[in-house]
Amino acid sequence: MPGNRPAAEGRCGVAIAVCGHVARMALCALVAAAALGHVPPLLAQEPGVPSPAQNLERIDALSERVEELEGEGEPVTEARRSVPYVVLTAVVGTQLAYLTVQMFRNRERPVLSWTVLDGGDGFELRDMPDGSKRIAVRITNVGQAAAVDIVWHAGTRASARATRNVPLGASPNFVGSLYPSASAQVLIAVSSAEHARVMDGEMVSFSLVLRYKSMGNRRYTHRVFGSYSKDSRNLAGTVSKSLPV
């Protein structure tokens, strides 16, 4: 009705202002992230990871579109009150907000994992002067952020068959920190008695658990299982996962 037109215009103006405000907040966050080169791909983007320059170009284009739609300082007109304008403004603002959320969800994180040794084996046995052995496992940070406060617990068990149910030692062993692509050797002790049972036809199973943190103090864990006998060696690891804070 004609009498309700001013109120409707007022509600529409508020909706437009809110959409523009949301779009601008998201846009500021994206531009800051783009300068660091960590902006996630846009919606409906072709396969492949865009460069920071490409991300900035796309964000600039969206920014210009927001400027056009928002029309700061201009009086409300029939065009700005139109349904296409409101819908398009909301779509742009929603897309930018979505990208911002994805940016923070996909922040870089440390990821520890066992990696093969130079000879191509998953681990190697090292002789000790007292007749015991050490299982050498290489741990590498395959993530994109530093892993800090790394500690590990390990346990071994000699039995007729391989098992993952191996009790871990109570005392922690410290590694320190590993930056992206850095590695460290973990040496798991096997007693001379356990190794003697291997020579008699049994096998040694071992379990290794690494706990570590990100620079933001978020905690993670990585678990490795393995076994060896006179004729075989096996090693497997779980996916490095985050722990409740």
Protein backbone atom coordinates (compact mmCIF):
# COMPACT_ATOMS: atom_id res chain seq x y z
CA MET A 1 0.00 0.00 0.00
CA PRO A 2 1.22 3.58 -0.63
CA GLY A 3 1.16 4.36 3.09
CA ASN A 4 3.60 1.53 3.80
CA ARG A 5 6.10 2.58 1.13
CA PRO A 6 8.39 4.71 3.40
CA ALA A 7 8.66 1.90 5.93
CA ALA A 8 9.44 -0.63 3.20
CA GLU A 9 12.09 1.68 1.78
CA GLY A 10 13.62 2.01 5.23
CA ARG A 11 13.78 -1.75 5.74
CA CYS A 12 15.29 -2.23 2.31
CA GLY A 13 17.89 0.46 2.99
CA VAL A 14 18.89 -1.29 6.23
CA ALA A 15 19.19 -4.64 4.46
CA ILE A 16 21.37 -3.08 1.77
CA ALA A 17 23.60 -1.44 4.36
CA VAL A 18 24.01 -4.71 6.26
CA CYS A 19 24.91 -6.61 3.08
CA GLY A 20 27.49 -4.00 2.16
CA HIS A 21 28.95 -4.02 5.68
CA VAL A 22 29.30 -7.82 5.70
CA ALA A 23 30.91 -7.78 2.28
CA ARG A 24 33.41 -5.11 3.33
CA MET A 25 34.39 -6.97 6.53
CA ALA A 26 34.98 -10.18 4.59
CA LEU A 27 36.84 -8.31 1.88
CA CYS A 28 39.26 -6.71 4.36
CA ALA A 29 40.12 -10.11 5.81
CA LEU A 30 40.66 -11.61 2.37
CA VAL A 31 42.91 -8.78 1.19
CA ALA A 32 45.07 -9.15 4.30
CA ALA A 33 45.36 -12.89 3.73
CA ALA A 34 46.06 -12.46 0.03
CA ALA A 35 49.04 -10.28 0.85
CA LEU A 36 50.45 -13.28 2.74
CA GLY A 37 49.64 -15.68 -0.10
CA HIS A 38 47.15 -17.85 1.84
CA VAL A 39 43.81 -17.10 0.22
CA PRO A 40 41.76 -20.23 -0.60
CA PRO A 41 40.33 -20.82 -4.08
CA LEU A 42 37.16 -18.98 -5.03
CA LEU A 43 33.86 -20.73 -5.54
CA ALA A 44 33.39 -22.44 -8.90
CA GLN A 45 37.08 -22.00 -9.65
CA GLU A 46 38.87 -24.18 -12.14
CA PRO A 47 41.22 -26.91 -10.78
CA GLY A 48 44.63 -25.77 -9.58
CA VAL A 49 45.90 -23.44 -6.91
CA PRO A 50 45.92 -19.74 -7.91
CA SER A 51 48.90 -17.56 -7.21
CA PRO A 52 48.66 -14.71 -4.65
CA ALA A 53 48.60 -12.23 -7.54
CA GLN A 54 45.64 -14.01 -9.16
CA ASN A 55 43.80 -14.04 -5.83
CA LEU A 56 44.37 -10.31 -5.40
CA GLU A 57 43.05 -9.63 -8.92
CA ARG A 58 39.87 -11.57 -8.21
CA ILE A 59 39.37 -9.92 -4.84
CA ASP A 60 39.92 -6.50 -6.44
CA ALA A 61 37.24 -7.33 -9.00
CA LEU A 62 34.80 -8.29 -6.26
CA SER A 63 35.73 -5.15 -4.37
CA GLU A 64 34.90 -3.00 -7.38
CA ARG A 65 31.55 -4.77 -7.77
CA VAL A 66 30.74 -4.13 -4.10
CA GLU A 67 31.61 -0.45 -4.60
CA GLU A 68 29.27 -0.28 -7.57
CA LEU A 69 26.43 -1.94 -5.70
CA GLU A 70 26.88 -0.08 -2.46
CA GLY A 71 27.03 3.40 -4.04
CA GLU A 72 28.22 5.14 -0.87
CA GLY A 73 26.92 8.65 -0.36
CA GLU A 74 24.27 8.35 -3.05
CA PRO A 75 20.57 8.76 -2.28
CA VAL A 76 18.36 5.69 -2.37
CA THR A 77 16.93 5.23 -5.85
CA GLU A 78 14.46 2.89 -7.48
CA ALA A 79 17.39 0.91 -8.94
CA ARG A 80 18.96 0.38 -5.51
CA ARG A 81 15.61 -0.69 -4.11
CA SER A 82 15.13 -3.27 -6.84
CA VAL A 83 15.09 -7.00 -6.11
CA PRO A 84 18.04 -7.79 -8.45
CA TYR A 85 20.22 -5.26 -6.63
CA VAL A 86 19.43 -6.64 -3.17
CA VAL A 87 19.93 -10.25 -4.31
CA LEU A 88 23.22 -9.50 -6.08
CA THR A 89 24.56 -7.56 -3.11
CA ALA A 90 23.68 -10.43 -0.78
CA VAL A 91 25.32 -12.97 -3.11
CA VAL A 92 28.58 -11.02 -3.26
CA GLY A 93 28.62 -10.50 0.50
CA THR A 94 27.84 -14.18 1.15
CA GLN A 95 30.59 -15.33 -1.20
CA LEU A 96 33.19 -13.12 0.48
CA ALA A 97 32.08 -14.26 3.93
CA TYR A 98 32.33 -17.90 2.79
CA LEU A 99 35.86 -17.36 1.51
CA THR A 100 36.90 -15.78 4.78
CA VAL A 101 35.57 -18.74 6.77
CA GLN A 102 37.38 -21.18 4.48
CA MET A 103 40.60 -19.19 4.86
CA PHE A 104 40.57 -19.63 8.63
CA ARG A 105 39.49 -23.27 8.44
CA ASN A 106 42.38 -24.14 6.11
CA ARG A 107 45.15 -22.49 8.11
CA GLU A 108 48.55 -24.11 7.78
CA ARG A 109 49.37 -26.72 10.42
CA PRO A 110 52.19 -29.10 11.35
CA VAL A 111 51.86 -32.74 10.28
CA LEU A 112 54.30 -35.34 11.59
CA SER A 113 54.63 -38.62 9.74
CA TRP A 114 57.14 -41.45 9.43
CA THR A 115 59.09 -41.42 6.17
CA VAL A 116 61.26 -43.97 4.42
CA LEU A 117 64.99 -44.01 5.09
CA ASP A 118 67.63 -43.29 2.47
CA GLY A 119 67.89 -46.98 1.59
CA GLY A 120 64.16 -47.21 0.95
CA ASP A 121 63.27 -49.11 4.16
CA GLY A 122 60.66 -48.00 6.65
CA PHE A 123 63.07 -48.52 9.54
CA GLU A 124 66.43 -50.09 10.30
CA LEU A 125 67.91 -52.14 13.13
CA ARG A 126 71.03 -50.84 14.83
CA ASP A 127 73.33 -52.97 16.93
CA MET A 128 74.23 -51.88 20.45
CA PRO A 129 77.36 -52.94 22.39
CA ASP A 130 75.35 -54.89 24.98
CA GLY A 131 73.64 -57.07 22.36
CA SER A 132 70.38 -55.12 22.33
CA LYS A 133 68.95 -53.40 19.26
CA ARG A 134 67.53 -50.02 18.34
CA ILE A 135 64.69 -49.62 15.84
CA ALA A 136 65.46 -46.40 13.94
CA VAL A 137 62.38 -44.63 12.53
CA ARG A 138 62.57 -41.34 10.66
CA ILE A 139 59.93 -38.76 11.57
CA THR A 140 59.40 -35.81 9.21
CA ASN A 141 57.24 -32.72 9.46
CA VAL A 142 55.36 -32.91 6.16
CA GLY A 143 53.08 -30.01 7.11
CA GLN A 144 53.45 -26.29 6.38
CA ALA A 145 53.99 -25.02 9.93
CA ALA A 146 56.46 -25.78 12.72
CA ALA A 147 55.77 -28.66 15.12
CA VAL A 148 56.93 -27.81 18.65
CA ASP A 149 57.21 -29.58 22.02
CA ILE A 150 57.46 -32.99 20.32
CA VAL A 151 57.58 -35.96 22.69
CA TRP A 152 57.23 -39.67 21.99
CA HIS A 153 56.42 -42.86 23.86
CA ALA A 154 57.23 -46.33 22.56
CA GLY A 155 56.90 -49.96 23.56
CA THR A 156 57.97 -53.37 22.22
CA ARG A 157 56.75 -56.94 22.64
CA ALA A 158 58.14 -60.28 21.44
CA SER A 159 55.47 -62.79 20.45
CA ALA A 160 54.61 -65.49 17.95
CA ARG A 161 52.62 -63.07 15.79
CA ALA A 162 52.47 -59.34 15.08
CA THR A 163 50.20 -57.22 17.26
CA ARG A 164 49.32 -53.56 17.67
CA ASN A 165 48.38 -54.00 21.32
CA VAL A 166 51.78 -53.04 22.70
CA PRO A 167 52.00 -51.13 26.01
CA LEU A 168 53.83 -47.82 25.78
CA GLY A 169 56.61 -46.73 28.09
CA ALA A 170 55.62 -44.22 30.73
CA SER A 171 58.67 -41.97 30.41
CA PRO A 172 58.48 -39.42 27.57
CA ASN A 173 61.34 -38.94 25.12
CA PHE A 174 61.88 -35.41 23.85
CA VAL A 175 62.52 -34.43 20.23
CA GLY A 176 62.09 -30.66 20.49
CA SER A 177 60.82 -28.86 17.38
CA LEU A 178 60.71 -29.62 13.66
CA TYR A 179 60.17 -27.00 10.99
CA PRO A 180 58.48 -27.92 7.69
CA SER A 181 60.45 -30.65 5.84
CA ALA A 182 62.78 -31.19 8.85
CA SER A 183 63.35 -34.76 10.12
CA ALA A 184 64.50 -36.51 13.27
CA GLN A 185 65.47 -40.09 14.12
CA VAL A 186 63.49 -41.93 16.80
CA LEU A 187 65.37 -44.88 18.36
CA ILE A 188 63.16 -47.54 19.97
CA ALA A 189 64.99 -49.92 22.29
CA VAL A 190 64.70 -53.70 21.82
CA SER A 191 66.23 -55.77 24.62
CA SER A 192 68.74 -58.51 23.90
CA ALA A 193 66.24 -61.08 25.25
CA GLU A 194 63.52 -59.89 22.85
CA HIS A 195 65.88 -59.98 19.89
CA ALA A 196 67.00 -63.49 20.88
CA ARG A 197 63.40 -64.64 20.58
CA VAL A 198 63.35 -63.21 17.07
CA MET A 199 66.35 -65.38 16.23
CA ASP A 200 64.34 -68.36 17.52
CA GLY A 201 61.52 -67.69 15.04
CA GLU A 202 59.29 -65.19 16.84
CA MET A 203 58.86 -61.49 16.03
CA VAL A 204 59.05 -58.15 17.79
CA SER A 205 56.11 -55.77 17.52
CA PHE A 206 56.50 -52.11 18.42
CA SER A 207 54.25 -49.11 18.86
CA LEU A 208 55.26 -45.45 18.73
CA VAL A 209 53.12 -42.43 19.64
CA LEU A 210 54.23 -38.85 18.99
CA ARG A 211 52.51 -35.88 20.59
CA TYR A 212 53.24 -32.34 19.48
CA LYS A 213 51.84 -28.82 19.22
CA SER A 214 51.51 -26.01 16.73
CA MET A 215 52.81 -22.51 17.41
CA GLY A 216 49.22 -21.64 18.34
CA ASN A 217 49.32 -24.33 21.08
CA ARG A 218 46.93 -26.71 19.30
CA ARG A 219 47.82 -30.33 20.10
CA TYR A 220 48.27 -33.22 17.64
CA THR A 221 49.23 -36.89 17.71
CA HIS A 222 50.70 -39.43 15.27
CA ARG A 223 50.86 -43.20 15.87
CA VAL A 224 53.19 -45.71 14.20
CA PHE A 225 53.02 -49.52 14.35
CA GLY A 226 55.62 -52.01 13.14
CA SER A 227 57.11 -55.45 13.51
CA TYR A 228 60.13 -57.44 12.39
CA SER A 229 61.28 -61.04 12.29
CA LYS A 230 64.16 -62.88 10.66
CA ASP A 231 62.34 -62.77 7.32
CA SER A 232 60.14 -59.66 7.29
CA ARG A 233 59.79 -56.04 8.31
CA ASN A 234 56.56 -54.06 8.41
CA LEU A 235 55.71 -50.47 9.30
CA ALA A 236 52.45 -48.51 9.17
CA GLY A 237 51.23 -45.19 10.52
CA THR A 238 47.95 -43.49 11.26
CA VAL A 239 47.00 -40.08 9.91
CA SER A 240 48.29 -37.27 12.12
CA LYS A 241 45.24 -35.83 13.87
CA SER A 242 44.37 -33.03 16.26
CA LEU A 243 43.49 -33.61 19.90
CA PRO A 244 40.86 -31.84 22.02
CA VAL A 245 42.26 -28.69 23.60
